Amino acid sequence: MRGSVAVASNASNSPGTITLSGTGVSVVNHSVTLSWTASTSTVTGYNMYSSTTSGGPYTELTTVPTAATAYTDTTVQSGNTYYYVVTAVDSANNESAYSGQTAAVIP
């Protein structure tokens, strides 16, 4: 990128020009990877939820319960704090209460 700034004054060589140049800032992609200990009950999977407000309300991130005990959220945006909870789901599709909340601060 290039540009210039003209500085006007009552000096005999006015206006003065300052030349500017620089490069753009590259986009930094952020993500949050969460993991948890498997339930001691028989479960078919887990649902992950997030919020930008501590205590919710939470938005479900998983469309179907995942059998994995880890999840990566690639939708986070720089400058925000995200709060996460997870639930366990059994074979009858009964969902547990929310887990304890954890937070991730995105630089």
Protein backbone atom coordinates (compact mmCIF):
# COMPACT_ATOMS: atom_id res chain seq x y z
CA MET A 1 0.00 0.00 0.00
CA ARG A 2 1.19 3.47 -0.80
CA GLY A 3 -0.04 6.91 0.05
CA SER A 4 1.04 10.37 1.04
CA VAL A 5 0.14 13.15 3.41
CA ALA A 6 0.48 16.83 2.55
CA VAL A 7 1.39 19.16 5.42
CA ALA A 8 0.61 22.81 4.83
CA SER A 9 2.15 25.66 6.81
CA ASN A 10 3.35 29.22 6.33
CA ALA A 11 6.88 27.98 5.47
CA SER A 12 8.32 28.88 2.07
CA ASN A 13 8.54 25.22 1.05
CA SER A 14 4.91 24.47 2.01
CA PRO A 15 3.20 22.17 1.44
CA GLY A 16 5.48 19.36 2.50
CA THR A 17 4.67 15.81 1.46
CA ILE A 18 5.21 12.70 3.53
CA THR A 19 5.23 9.48 1.57
CA LEU A 20 3.67 6.43 3.23
CA SER A 21 4.05 2.78 2.41
CA GLY A 22 3.34 -0.49 4.16
CA THR A 23 1.97 -3.95 3.87
CA GLY A 24 -1.35 -5.38 4.98
CA VAL A 25 -1.79 -7.49 8.04
CA SER A 26 -2.31 -11.17 7.36
CA VAL A 27 -5.46 -12.80 8.67
CA VAL A 28 -4.93 -14.97 11.73
CA ASN A 29 -7.34 -17.87 12.04
CA HIS A 30 -8.11 -18.82 15.62
CA SER A 31 -9.65 -21.96 17.04
CA VAL A 32 -10.36 -23.44 20.45
CA THR A 33 -9.80 -27.14 21.12
CA LEU A 34 -11.62 -28.54 24.13
CA SER A 35 -11.39 -32.00 25.66
CA TRP A 36 -13.10 -33.67 28.58
CA THR A 37 -13.12 -36.92 30.53
CA ALA A 38 -15.56 -39.52 29.23
CA SER A 39 -18.74 -40.07 31.24
CA THR A 40 -18.80 -43.09 33.56
CA SER A 41 -22.42 -43.67 32.44
CA THR A 42 -23.28 -45.30 29.13
CA VAL A 43 -23.57 -42.51 26.58
CA THR A 44 -23.83 -42.38 22.81
CA GLY A 45 -22.14 -39.01 22.51
CA TYR A 46 -21.70 -35.44 23.64
CA ASN A 47 -23.12 -32.07 22.62
CA MET A 48 -20.97 -28.94 22.78
CA TYR A 49 -22.38 -25.48 23.50
CA SER A 50 -20.86 -21.99 23.55
CA SER A 51 -21.78 -18.44 24.50
CA THR A 52 -20.10 -15.06 24.53
CA THR A 53 -21.82 -14.40 27.87
CA SER A 54 -20.73 -16.17 31.04
CA GLY A 55 -23.58 -18.42 32.17
CA GLY A 56 -25.27 -18.44 28.75
CA PRO A 57 -27.57 -18.57 27.02
CA TYR A 58 -25.61 -21.18 25.09
CA THR A 59 -25.77 -22.06 21.40
CA GLU A 60 -25.36 -25.70 20.37
CA LEU A 61 -22.26 -26.21 18.22
CA THR A 62 -22.79 -29.88 17.38
CA THR A 63 -25.65 -30.90 15.10
CA VAL A 64 -25.58 -34.49 16.35
CA PRO A 65 -23.89 -35.89 19.45
CA THR A 66 -20.24 -36.71 18.84
CA ALA A 67 -18.66 -39.84 20.29
CA ALA A 68 -15.31 -38.08 20.66
CA THR A 69 -14.23 -36.51 23.95
CA ALA A 70 -12.78 -33.49 22.17
CA TYR A 71 -14.12 -30.69 20.00
CA THR A 72 -12.49 -27.89 18.00
CA ASP A 73 -14.42 -24.65 17.55
CA THR A 74 -13.15 -22.92 14.40
CA THR A 75 -15.80 -20.16 14.48
CA VAL A 76 -14.16 -18.01 17.17
CA GLN A 77 -13.33 -14.39 16.44
CA SER A 78 -10.36 -12.35 17.63
CA GLY A 79 -10.98 -10.11 20.63
CA ASN A 80 -13.82 -12.18 22.13
CA THR A 81 -14.18 -14.47 25.11
CA TYR A 82 -16.13 -17.69 24.64
CA TYR A 83 -17.72 -19.81 27.35
CA TYR A 84 -18.20 -23.54 26.78
CA VAL A 85 -20.23 -26.35 28.32
CA VAL A 86 -20.76 -29.97 27.25
CA THR A 87 -23.61 -32.43 27.80
CA ALA A 88 -23.73 -36.22 27.61
CA VAL A 89 -26.45 -37.91 25.54
CA ASP A 90 -27.69 -41.49 26.07
CA SER A 91 -29.20 -43.95 23.56
CA ALA A 92 -32.73 -42.61 24.24
CA ASN A 93 -31.46 -39.12 23.32
CA ASN A 94 -31.73 -37.91 26.92
CA GLU A 95 -29.31 -35.09 27.52
CA SER A 96 -27.51 -34.46 30.81
CA ALA A 97 -27.29 -31.13 32.56
CA TYR A 98 -24.54 -28.77 31.41
CA SER A 99 -21.02 -29.50 32.58
CA GLY A 100 -19.07 -26.87 34.43
CA GLN A 101 -18.30 -23.87 32.25
CA THR A 102 -14.86 -23.16 30.85
CA ALA A 103 -13.70 -19.97 29.12
CA ALA A 104 -11.38 -19.24 26.21
CA VAL A 105 -10.04 -15.73 25.54
CA ILE A 106 -9.20 -15.17 21.88
CA PRO A 107 -6.38 -12.65 21.34
